[in-house]
Amino acid sequence: MVHPHPRPTPARARARPINPFRTLQVHRNFRLFWTGQTVSLIGTWMQQVGQGWLALELTNSAFLVGVVAAAGSFPVLLLSLYGGVIADRHSKLRIVVICQALLLVEAAALWWFTWSGHINFQWLLTLTTLGGVISAFEIPARQSLIVELVSREDLVDAIALNSGGFNLARIIGPSIAAIVLAKLGLSWCFGVNALSYLAVLGNLARIRLPAWTPVQHLVSPYEELKQGLRYIRSSRSVAGLMGVIGVYSIFGFQYLSMMPVIARDVLHTGASGYGFLLTFVGIGALTGALSLAGLGARIRRGRLFNATAYAFAGLTILFSLMRSIHLAAFVLLFLGLTMLVNGALANGILQSVVPDELRGRVMATYVFVYVGFTPIGSFIAGATARFFGVQWAIFSGGLVMLLYAMWAFWKYPEIRAV
């Protein structure tokens, strides 16, 4: 029988210092991974800003902006479960290296098409979709690799720091993108992203792990996939958690995919204002990540997940009502914080209870839900914005989250006990 990983005892948790950066100091492999990823993610966020604004310039359509946002994550919906099987059958580090190299090529191609003036909506959609296909294999491998870079007692802290790096990049990336847009032009948002992949590839090459030993697989990949899904269904806490993650993935990130439209049509600002708003999301998220990493095992993760789920939904509704860029930025500060803590807790809870032999498949299911469901929300938001207005699209998404959270935490009280 496979037992989940035990949580640290209260005495052990109290003995640990409140230092959000301790895991980076202690684990060399994770430090290399984190620094390389964070530099690369700065470029990724620059590309996200560029893609959203380029889609708006090319189409002048809120719906097609949503389509482009969906194109980067829709392949994850189709392919990530198989990507998890691949992650369980092969070296996770090698998969990440290959995929990062391919993402470098995709960013370079996007830079060339835009810089040379050959870009059109079809090429933008094609290259964005290609990036999503690569990510469908890279994200499950990267998520399940983290446990090999740190000790189990530091896993939740490492996940929080990983999310912190993502959101540090969310702060820096859009700010740099706004400068690059003004000084060098839109194409260089993609060019700088291509160069940033060199940092992560260099650091991944320096990571030293025990030699990967191939595991003998007695069943087909399809049967392995079914084993992972059976495990998820058999655990009420995991099944309930996955439901919340799924609904929040559909409706919780609509405000991000619609941000270019909110910036231009509701708050009446330009590309620099769009970057300004994303920066405040990142500041809040980084604050949440550092707080979570510092608290570590001192918190009751299930209860905090419950509280942040309600806060995330309520702040989404509040943001939809904003008509001032400064008030919107203030709300986004707390929206970013609750979004980060809620997502990092969901990831950490899953990683801490999943058996090692099922890790790739369960985390692929998490990616399938957390990332793969996002394009559904982008399509819904784009269509709703087209017929009823962008503010109503975001408001209705927040309301759905709030109502579902009330039902889910009543139906699955086991989530609070994790």
Protein backbone atom coordinates (compact mmCIF):
# COMPACT_ATOMS: atom_id res chain seq x y z
CA MET A 1 0.00 0.00 0.00
CA VAL A 2 1.31 3.44 -0.89
CA HIS A 3 1.18 6.01 1.91
CA PRO A 4 1.16 9.77 1.29
CA HIS A 5 4.12 11.78 2.48
CA PRO A 6 3.66 12.83 6.10
CA ARG A 7 3.47 16.46 7.02
CA PRO A 8 6.16 17.80 9.35
CA THR A 9 5.27 17.51 13.00
CA PRO A 10 4.32 20.74 14.83
CA ALA A 11 7.55 20.68 16.85
CA ARG A 12 9.62 20.29 13.72
CA ALA A 13 7.67 23.05 11.99
CA ARG A 14 8.24 25.44 14.92
CA ALA A 15 11.98 24.72 14.85
CA ARG A 16 12.34 25.95 11.28
CA PRO A 17 13.33 29.59 10.85
CA ILE A 18 10.99 32.07 9.17
CA ASN A 19 13.16 32.58 6.11
CA PRO A 20 11.42 32.48 2.72
CA PHE A 21 14.78 31.99 0.96
CA ARG A 22 16.09 29.10 3.08
CA THR A 23 15.27 26.48 0.44
CA LEU A 24 17.31 28.39 -2.14
CA GLN A 25 20.25 28.57 0.26
CA VAL A 26 20.17 24.89 1.19
CA HIS A 27 19.55 23.19 -2.17
CA ARG A 28 22.05 23.97 -4.96
CA ASN A 29 20.10 22.17 -7.67
CA PHE A 30 16.91 24.06 -6.84
CA ARG A 31 18.84 27.35 -6.74
CA LEU A 32 20.14 26.74 -10.27
CA PHE A 33 16.68 25.73 -11.46
CA TRP A 34 14.98 28.72 -9.82
CA THR A 35 17.37 31.42 -11.01
CA GLY A 36 17.40 30.16 -14.60
CA GLN A 37 13.61 29.79 -14.69
CA THR A 38 13.04 33.24 -13.21
CA VAL A 39 15.25 34.96 -15.79
CA SER A 40 13.53 33.04 -18.57
CA LEU A 41 10.08 33.87 -17.19
CA ILE A 42 10.88 37.58 -17.34
CA GLY A 43 11.21 37.09 -21.08
CA THR A 44 8.06 34.97 -21.15
CA TRP A 45 6.04 37.75 -19.53
CA MET A 46 7.45 40.24 -22.01
CA GLN A 47 6.21 37.92 -24.75
CA GLN A 48 2.78 37.63 -23.08
CA VAL A 49 2.43 41.42 -23.07
CA GLY A 50 3.58 41.56 -26.69
CA GLN A 51 1.23 38.81 -27.84
CA GLY A 52 -1.82 40.38 -26.22
CA TRP A 53 -1.10 43.81 -27.62
CA LEU A 54 -0.14 42.46 -31.04
CA ALA A 55 -3.39 40.48 -31.21
CA LEU A 56 -5.36 43.64 -30.40
CA GLU A 57 -3.44 45.66 -33.03
CA LEU A 58 -3.92 43.00 -35.71
CA THR A 59 -7.62 42.31 -35.09
CA ASN A 60 -9.16 45.10 -32.97
CA SER A 61 -11.36 42.34 -31.51
CA ALA A 62 -11.81 41.36 -27.86
CA PHE A 63 -12.95 37.91 -28.99
CA LEU A 64 -9.79 37.28 -31.06
CA VAL A 65 -7.59 38.53 -28.20
CA GLY A 66 -9.25 35.77 -26.17
CA VAL A 67 -8.62 33.28 -28.98
CA VAL A 68 -4.87 34.06 -28.96
CA ALA A 69 -4.76 33.75 -25.17
CA ALA A 70 -6.53 30.39 -25.47
CA ALA A 71 -4.22 29.15 -28.24
CA GLY A 72 -1.24 29.05 -25.87
CA SER A 73 -2.98 26.79 -23.39
CA PHE A 74 -5.53 24.80 -25.42
CA PRO A 75 -2.90 22.21 -26.51
CA VAL A 76 -2.22 21.59 -22.82
CA LEU A 77 -5.85 20.52 -22.49
CA LEU A 78 -5.37 17.98 -25.29
CA LEU A 79 -1.86 16.66 -24.62
CA SER A 80 -0.78 17.19 -21.00
CA LEU A 81 -2.18 13.89 -19.67
CA TYR A 82 -0.02 12.03 -22.16
CA GLY A 83 2.81 14.39 -21.22
CA GLY A 84 2.49 13.10 -17.64
CA VAL A 85 2.88 9.50 -18.79
CA ILE A 86 6.02 10.54 -20.70
CA ALA A 87 7.33 12.27 -17.56
CA ASP A 88 6.89 9.08 -15.52
CA ARG A 89 8.68 7.00 -18.20
CA HIS A 90 11.70 9.23 -18.97
CA SER A 91 14.17 11.59 -17.33
CA LYS A 92 12.20 14.66 -16.27
CA LEU A 93 15.29 16.88 -16.44
CA ARG A 94 16.03 15.85 -20.02
CA ILE A 95 12.43 16.49 -21.08
CA VAL A 96 12.58 20.00 -19.58
CA VAL A 97 15.88 20.77 -21.37
CA ILE A 98 14.55 19.66 -24.78
CA CYS A 99 11.30 21.59 -24.38
CA GLN A 100 13.04 24.78 -23.25
CA ALA A 101 15.27 24.63 -26.34
CA LEU A 102 12.19 24.26 -28.56
CA LEU A 103 10.52 27.23 -26.85
CA LEU A 104 13.61 29.29 -27.64
CA VAL A 105 13.12 28.48 -31.34
CA GLU A 106 9.40 29.40 -31.14
CA ALA A 107 10.17 32.79 -29.54
CA ALA A 108 12.90 33.50 -32.12
CA ALA A 109 10.48 32.74 -34.95
CA LEU A 110 7.88 35.09 -33.47
CA TRP A 111 10.54 37.81 -33.20
CA TRP A 112 11.60 37.35 -36.84
CA PHE A 113 8.07 37.43 -38.26
CA THR A 114 7.21 40.57 -36.29
CA TRP A 115 10.55 42.35 -36.88
CA SER A 116 10.47 41.64 -40.62
CA GLY A 117 6.87 42.80 -41.00
CA HIS A 118 5.58 39.38 -42.10
CA ILE A 119 3.44 38.83 -39.01
CA ASN A 120 -0.30 38.40 -39.40
CA PHE A 121 -3.03 36.94 -37.21
CA GLN A 122 -2.60 33.45 -38.70
CA TRP A 123 1.14 33.34 -37.96
CA LEU A 124 0.59 34.72 -34.45
CA LEU A 125 -2.03 32.05 -33.77
CA THR A 126 0.15 29.26 -35.25
CA LEU A 127 3.27 30.15 -33.25
CA THR A 128 1.30 30.66 -30.04
CA THR A 129 -0.31 27.23 -30.53
CA LEU A 130 3.11 25.66 -31.14
CA GLY A 131 4.31 27.09 -27.84
CA GLY A 132 1.28 25.50 -26.17
CA VAL A 133 2.08 22.08 -27.67
CA ILE A 134 5.62 22.21 -26.31
CA SER A 135 4.35 23.36 -22.91
CA ALA A 136 1.99 20.37 -22.74
CA PHE A 137 5.06 18.15 -22.31
CA GLU A 138 7.32 20.62 -20.50
CA ILE A 139 5.03 21.68 -17.67
CA PRO A 140 4.20 18.21 -16.23
CA ALA A 141 7.90 17.27 -16.32
CA ARG A 142 8.94 20.56 -14.69
CA GLN A 143 6.26 20.37 -11.99
CA SER A 144 7.19 16.80 -11.02
CA LEU A 145 10.95 17.57 -11.25
CA ILE A 146 10.86 19.93 -8.25
CA VAL A 147 10.64 17.09 -5.72
CA GLU A 148 13.96 15.74 -7.08
CA LEU A 149 15.67 19.09 -6.43
CA VAL A 150 14.73 19.53 -2.73
CA SER A 151 13.97 17.43 0.34
CA ARG A 152 10.37 16.47 0.98
CA GLU A 153 10.08 18.74 4.02
CA ASP A 154 11.00 21.71 1.81
CA LEU A 155 8.63 20.83 -1.03
CA VAL A 156 5.83 23.30 -0.18
CA ASP A 157 8.39 26.07 0.36
CA ALA A 158 10.02 25.25 -3.00
CA ILE A 159 6.66 25.37 -4.79
CA ALA A 160 5.91 28.74 -3.16
CA LEU A 161 9.33 30.06 -4.21
CA ASN A 162 8.78 28.71 -7.71
CA SER A 163 5.51 30.63 -7.83
CA GLY A 164 7.35 33.62 -6.37
CA GLY A 165 9.86 33.54 -9.21
CA PHE A 166 6.99 33.37 -11.68
CA ASN A 167 5.44 36.46 -10.15
CA LEU A 168 8.72 38.32 -9.72
CA ALA A 169 8.98 37.88 -13.47
CA ARG A 170 5.36 39.08 -13.76
CA ILE A 171 6.47 42.34 -12.10
CA ILE A 172 9.71 42.86 -14.00
CA GLY A 173 8.65 41.47 -17.39
CA PRO A 174 5.74 43.81 -18.16
CA SER A 175 7.72 46.79 -16.86
CA ILE A 176 10.61 46.00 -19.21
CA ALA A 177 8.13 45.22 -21.98
CA ALA A 178 6.61 48.69 -21.66
CA ILE A 179 10.09 50.24 -22.09
CA VAL A 180 11.00 47.93 -24.97
CA LEU A 181 7.68 48.67 -26.70
CA ALA A 182 8.37 52.40 -26.50
CA LYS A 183 12.09 52.34 -27.39
CA LEU A 184 12.69 49.32 -29.65
CA GLY A 185 9.29 48.18 -30.88
CA LEU A 186 6.95 45.25 -30.31
CA SER A 187 9.15 42.62 -31.98
CA TRP A 188 11.86 42.91 -29.34
CA CYS A 189 9.49 41.71 -26.62
CA PHE A 190 9.79 38.38 -28.44
CA GLY A 191 13.52 38.76 -29.19
CA VAL A 192 14.43 39.34 -25.53
CA ASN A 193 12.35 36.30 -24.57
CA ALA A 194 14.31 34.14 -27.03
CA LEU A 195 17.58 35.31 -25.47
CA SER A 196 16.27 34.65 -21.93
CA TYR A 197 16.02 30.90 -22.64
CA LEU A 198 19.81 30.78 -22.74
CA ALA A 199 19.83 31.45 -18.98
CA VAL A 200 17.59 28.52 -18.10
CA LEU A 201 19.37 26.14 -20.50
CA GLY A 202 22.74 27.09 -19.02
CA ASN A 203 21.59 26.48 -15.46
CA LEU A 204 19.79 23.23 -16.29
CA ALA A 205 23.05 21.93 -17.74
CA ARG A 206 24.73 22.51 -14.35
CA ILE A 207 22.18 20.57 -12.28
CA ARG A 208 23.58 17.32 -10.90
CA LEU A 209 21.13 14.53 -10.14
CA PRO A 210 21.66 10.80 -9.60
CA ALA A 211 21.79 8.90 -12.88
CA TRP A 212 18.27 8.29 -14.11
CA THR A 213 17.38 4.59 -14.07
CA PRO A 214 14.73 3.46 -16.54
CA VAL A 215 11.74 1.90 -14.83
CA GLN A 216 10.27 -1.31 -16.21
CA HIS A 217 6.68 -0.63 -17.25
CA LEU A 218 4.48 -3.73 -17.31
CA VAL A 219 1.38 -2.01 -18.66
CA SER A 220 0.67 0.25 -21.61
CA PRO A 221 0.78 4.07 -21.36
CA TYR A 222 -3.01 4.08 -21.61
CA GLU A 223 -3.32 1.74 -18.60
CA GLU A 224 -0.85 3.91 -16.66
CA LEU A 225 -2.98 6.94 -17.41
CA LYS A 226 -6.07 5.13 -16.12
CA GLN A 227 -4.20 4.20 -12.91
CA GLY A 228 -3.50 7.86 -12.23
CA LEU A 229 -7.12 8.86 -12.84
CA ARG A 230 -8.37 6.04 -10.58
CA TYR A 231 -6.13 7.32 -7.78
CA ILE A 232 -7.53 10.84 -8.14
CA ARG A 233 -11.13 9.61 -8.07
CA SER A 234 -10.48 7.38 -5.04
CA SER A 235 -9.33 10.26 -2.82
CA ARG A 236 -12.12 12.64 -1.81
CA SER A 237 -9.70 15.40 -0.85
CA VAL A 238 -7.84 15.17 -4.17
CA ALA A 239 -11.06 14.87 -6.20
CA GLY A 240 -12.62 17.84 -4.42
CA LEU A 241 -9.46 19.88 -4.82
CA MET A 242 -9.31 19.12 -8.54
CA GLY A 243 -12.89 20.33 -8.94
CA VAL A 244 -12.09 23.70 -7.35
CA ILE A 245 -8.92 24.00 -9.43
CA GLY A 246 -10.88 23.28 -12.61
CA VAL A 247 -13.61 25.88 -12.04
CA TYR A 248 -11.10 28.51 -10.92
CA SER A 249 -8.94 27.79 -13.97
CA ILE A 250 -11.89 28.44 -16.29
CA PHE A 251 -13.23 31.56 -14.60
CA GLY A 252 -10.38 32.85 -12.41
CA PHE A 253 -7.96 33.95 -15.12
CA GLN A 254 -10.42 35.67 -17.43
CA TYR A 255 -9.39 39.03 -16.00
CA LEU A 256 -5.82 38.38 -17.22
CA SER A 257 -6.77 37.31 -20.75
CA MET A 258 -9.10 40.32 -21.04
CA MET A 259 -6.61 42.78 -19.50
CA PRO A 260 -5.67 44.41 -22.86
CA VAL A 261 -9.35 45.14 -23.47
CA ILE A 262 -9.91 46.40 -19.91
CA ALA A 263 -6.84 48.65 -20.22
CA ARG A 264 -7.87 50.21 -23.52
CA ASP A 265 -11.67 50.26 -23.51
CA VAL A 266 -12.60 50.59 -19.81
CA LEU A 267 -9.63 52.33 -18.19
CA HIS A 268 -8.70 54.24 -21.37
CA THR A 269 -4.95 53.66 -21.24
CA GLY A 270 -2.35 52.31 -23.67
CA ALA A 271 0.25 49.56 -23.73
CA SER A 272 2.20 51.16 -20.87
CA GLY A 273 -0.97 51.18 -18.71
CA TYR A 274 -1.54 47.53 -19.59
CA GLY A 275 1.96 46.72 -18.36
CA PHE A 276 1.34 48.85 -15.24
CA LEU A 277 -1.73 46.80 -14.32
CA LEU A 278 0.07 43.48 -14.81
CA THR A 279 2.92 44.77 -12.65
CA PHE A 280 0.53 45.25 -9.71
CA VAL A 281 -0.79 41.70 -10.16
CA GLY A 282 2.82 40.54 -9.94
CA ILE A 283 3.66 42.61 -6.85
CA GLY A 284 0.71 41.12 -4.99
CA ALA A 285 1.54 37.61 -6.14
CA LEU A 286 5.21 37.94 -5.16
CA THR A 287 4.17 39.15 -1.71
CA GLY A 288 1.92 36.13 -1.36
CA ALA A 289 4.64 33.74 -2.51
CA LEU A 290 7.25 35.05 -0.08
CA SER A 291 4.75 34.99 2.78
CA LEU A 292 3.79 31.39 2.00
CA ALA A 293 7.42 30.28 1.66
CA GLY A 294 8.31 31.94 4.96
CA LEU A 295 5.43 30.41 6.90
CA GLY A 296 6.02 26.94 5.44
CA ALA A 297 4.70 24.15 7.65
CA ARG A 298 3.25 26.55 10.25
CA ILE A 299 0.03 27.04 8.29
CA ARG A 300 -3.04 24.85 7.98
CA ARG A 301 -2.97 24.54 4.23
CA GLY A 302 -6.53 23.30 3.76
CA ARG A 303 -8.05 26.15 5.76
CA LEU A 304 -5.93 28.78 4.03
CA PHE A 305 -6.86 27.31 0.63
CA ASN A 306 -10.52 27.65 1.63
CA ALA A 307 -10.11 31.30 2.69
CA THR A 308 -8.13 32.35 -0.38
CA ALA A 309 -10.66 30.68 -2.70
CA TYR A 310 -13.40 32.95 -1.36
CA ALA A 311 -11.12 36.02 -1.44
CA PHE A 312 -10.02 35.29 -5.02
CA ALA A 313 -13.64 35.14 -6.20
CA GLY A 314 -14.69 38.26 -4.30
CA LEU A 315 -11.78 40.35 -5.55
CA THR A 316 -12.45 39.26 -9.14
CA ILE A 317 -16.00 40.61 -8.79
CA LEU A 318 -14.65 43.84 -7.26
CA PHE A 319 -12.11 44.32 -10.07
CA SER A 320 -14.87 44.07 -12.67
CA LEU A 321 -16.47 47.20 -11.18
CA MET A 322 -13.35 49.39 -11.36
CA ARG A 323 -13.27 52.38 -13.72
CA SER A 324 -10.14 54.10 -12.40
CA ILE A 325 -6.70 52.72 -13.28
CA HIS A 326 -5.35 53.50 -9.80
CA LEU A 327 -8.24 51.80 -7.98
CA ALA A 328 -7.97 48.88 -10.41
CA ALA A 329 -4.25 48.55 -9.66
CA PHE A 330 -4.98 48.58 -5.91
CA VAL A 331 -7.51 45.76 -6.27
CA LEU A 332 -5.14 43.82 -8.55
CA LEU A 333 -2.49 43.95 -5.83
CA PHE A 334 -4.68 41.83 -3.52
CA LEU A 335 -6.14 39.81 -6.38
CA GLY A 336 -2.62 38.78 -7.38
CA LEU A 337 -1.80 37.85 -3.76
CA THR A 338 -4.83 35.63 -3.27
CA MET A 339 -4.50 34.09 -6.75
CA LEU A 340 -0.88 33.09 -6.03
CA VAL A 341 -1.46 31.69 -2.54
CA ASN A 342 -4.53 29.75 -3.69
CA GLY A 343 -2.72 28.24 -6.68
CA ALA A 344 0.50 27.45 -4.79
CA LEU A 345 -1.45 25.76 -1.99
CA ALA A 346 -3.35 23.61 -4.49
CA ASN A 347 -0.07 22.54 -6.08
CA GLY A 348 1.65 21.95 -2.75
CA ILE A 349 -1.20 19.90 -1.30
CA LEU A 350 -1.23 17.62 -4.34
CA GLN A 351 2.56 17.24 -4.40
CA SER A 352 2.67 16.35 -0.70
CA VAL A 353 0.09 13.55 -0.87
CA VAL A 354 0.74 11.94 -4.26
CA PRO A 355 2.75 8.67 -4.36
CA ASP A 356 6.09 8.95 -6.18
CA GLU A 357 5.22 6.38 -8.84
CA LEU A 358 2.10 8.37 -9.80
CA ARG A 359 3.63 11.85 -9.51
CA GLY A 360 4.03 12.61 -13.21
CA ARG A 361 0.49 11.48 -14.04
CA VAL A 362 -1.22 13.24 -11.14
CA MET A 363 0.68 16.47 -11.75
CA ALA A 364 -0.13 16.16 -15.46
CA THR A 365 -3.80 15.97 -14.48
CA TYR A 366 -3.26 19.08 -12.38
CA VAL A 367 -1.67 20.81 -15.39
CA PHE A 368 -4.49 19.51 -17.62
CA VAL A 369 -6.99 21.18 -15.30
CA TYR A 370 -5.05 24.25 -14.11
CA VAL A 371 -3.61 25.27 -17.47
CA GLY A 372 -5.66 23.29 -19.96
CA PHE A 373 -9.02 24.61 -18.78
CA THR A 374 -7.84 28.22 -19.07
CA PRO A 375 -8.60 28.49 -22.82
CA ILE A 376 -12.19 27.49 -22.09
CA GLY A 377 -12.38 30.54 -19.86
CA SER A 378 -10.69 32.72 -22.48
CA PHE A 379 -13.26 31.68 -25.09
CA ILE A 380 -16.14 32.24 -22.66
CA ALA A 381 -14.77 35.63 -21.61
CA GLY A 382 -14.18 36.71 -25.20
CA ALA A 383 -17.67 35.69 -26.29
CA THR A 384 -19.33 37.25 -23.22
CA ALA A 385 -17.34 40.45 -23.69
CA ARG A 386 -18.41 40.61 -27.32
CA PHE A 387 -22.13 40.47 -26.52
CA PHE A 388 -22.43 41.90 -22.99
CA GLY A 389 -19.21 43.84 -22.35
CA VAL A 390 -15.86 42.93 -20.84
CA GLN A 391 -16.76 44.02 -17.30
CA TRP A 392 -19.80 41.72 -17.24
CA ALA A 393 -17.59 38.86 -18.49
CA ILE A 394 -15.23 39.22 -15.53
CA PHE A 395 -18.05 39.84 -13.01
CA SER A 396 -19.95 36.70 -14.03
CA GLY A 397 -16.76 34.62 -13.81
CA GLY A 398 -16.14 35.79 -10.24
CA LEU A 399 -19.73 35.00 -9.31
CA VAL A 400 -19.47 31.45 -10.68
CA MET A 401 -16.27 30.88 -8.65
CA LEU A 402 -17.90 32.15 -5.47
CA LEU A 403 -20.96 29.93 -5.83
CA TYR A 404 -18.91 26.85 -6.73
CA ALA A 405 -16.54 27.36 -3.78
CA MET A 406 -19.51 27.48 -1.39
CA TRP A 407 -20.80 24.17 -2.77
CA ALA A 408 -17.41 22.43 -3.00
CA PHE A 409 -16.29 23.17 0.55
CA TRP A 410 -19.67 21.94 1.83
CA LYS A 411 -19.52 18.79 -0.33
CA TYR A 412 -15.84 18.02 0.37
CA PRO A 413 -15.00 19.07 3.95
CA GLU A 414 -11.90 16.86 3.62
CA ILE A 415 -10.19 19.71 1.74
CA ARG A 416 -10.06 21.83 4.91
CA ALA A 417 -8.43 18.96 6.82
CA VAL A 418 -5.46 18.50 4.46
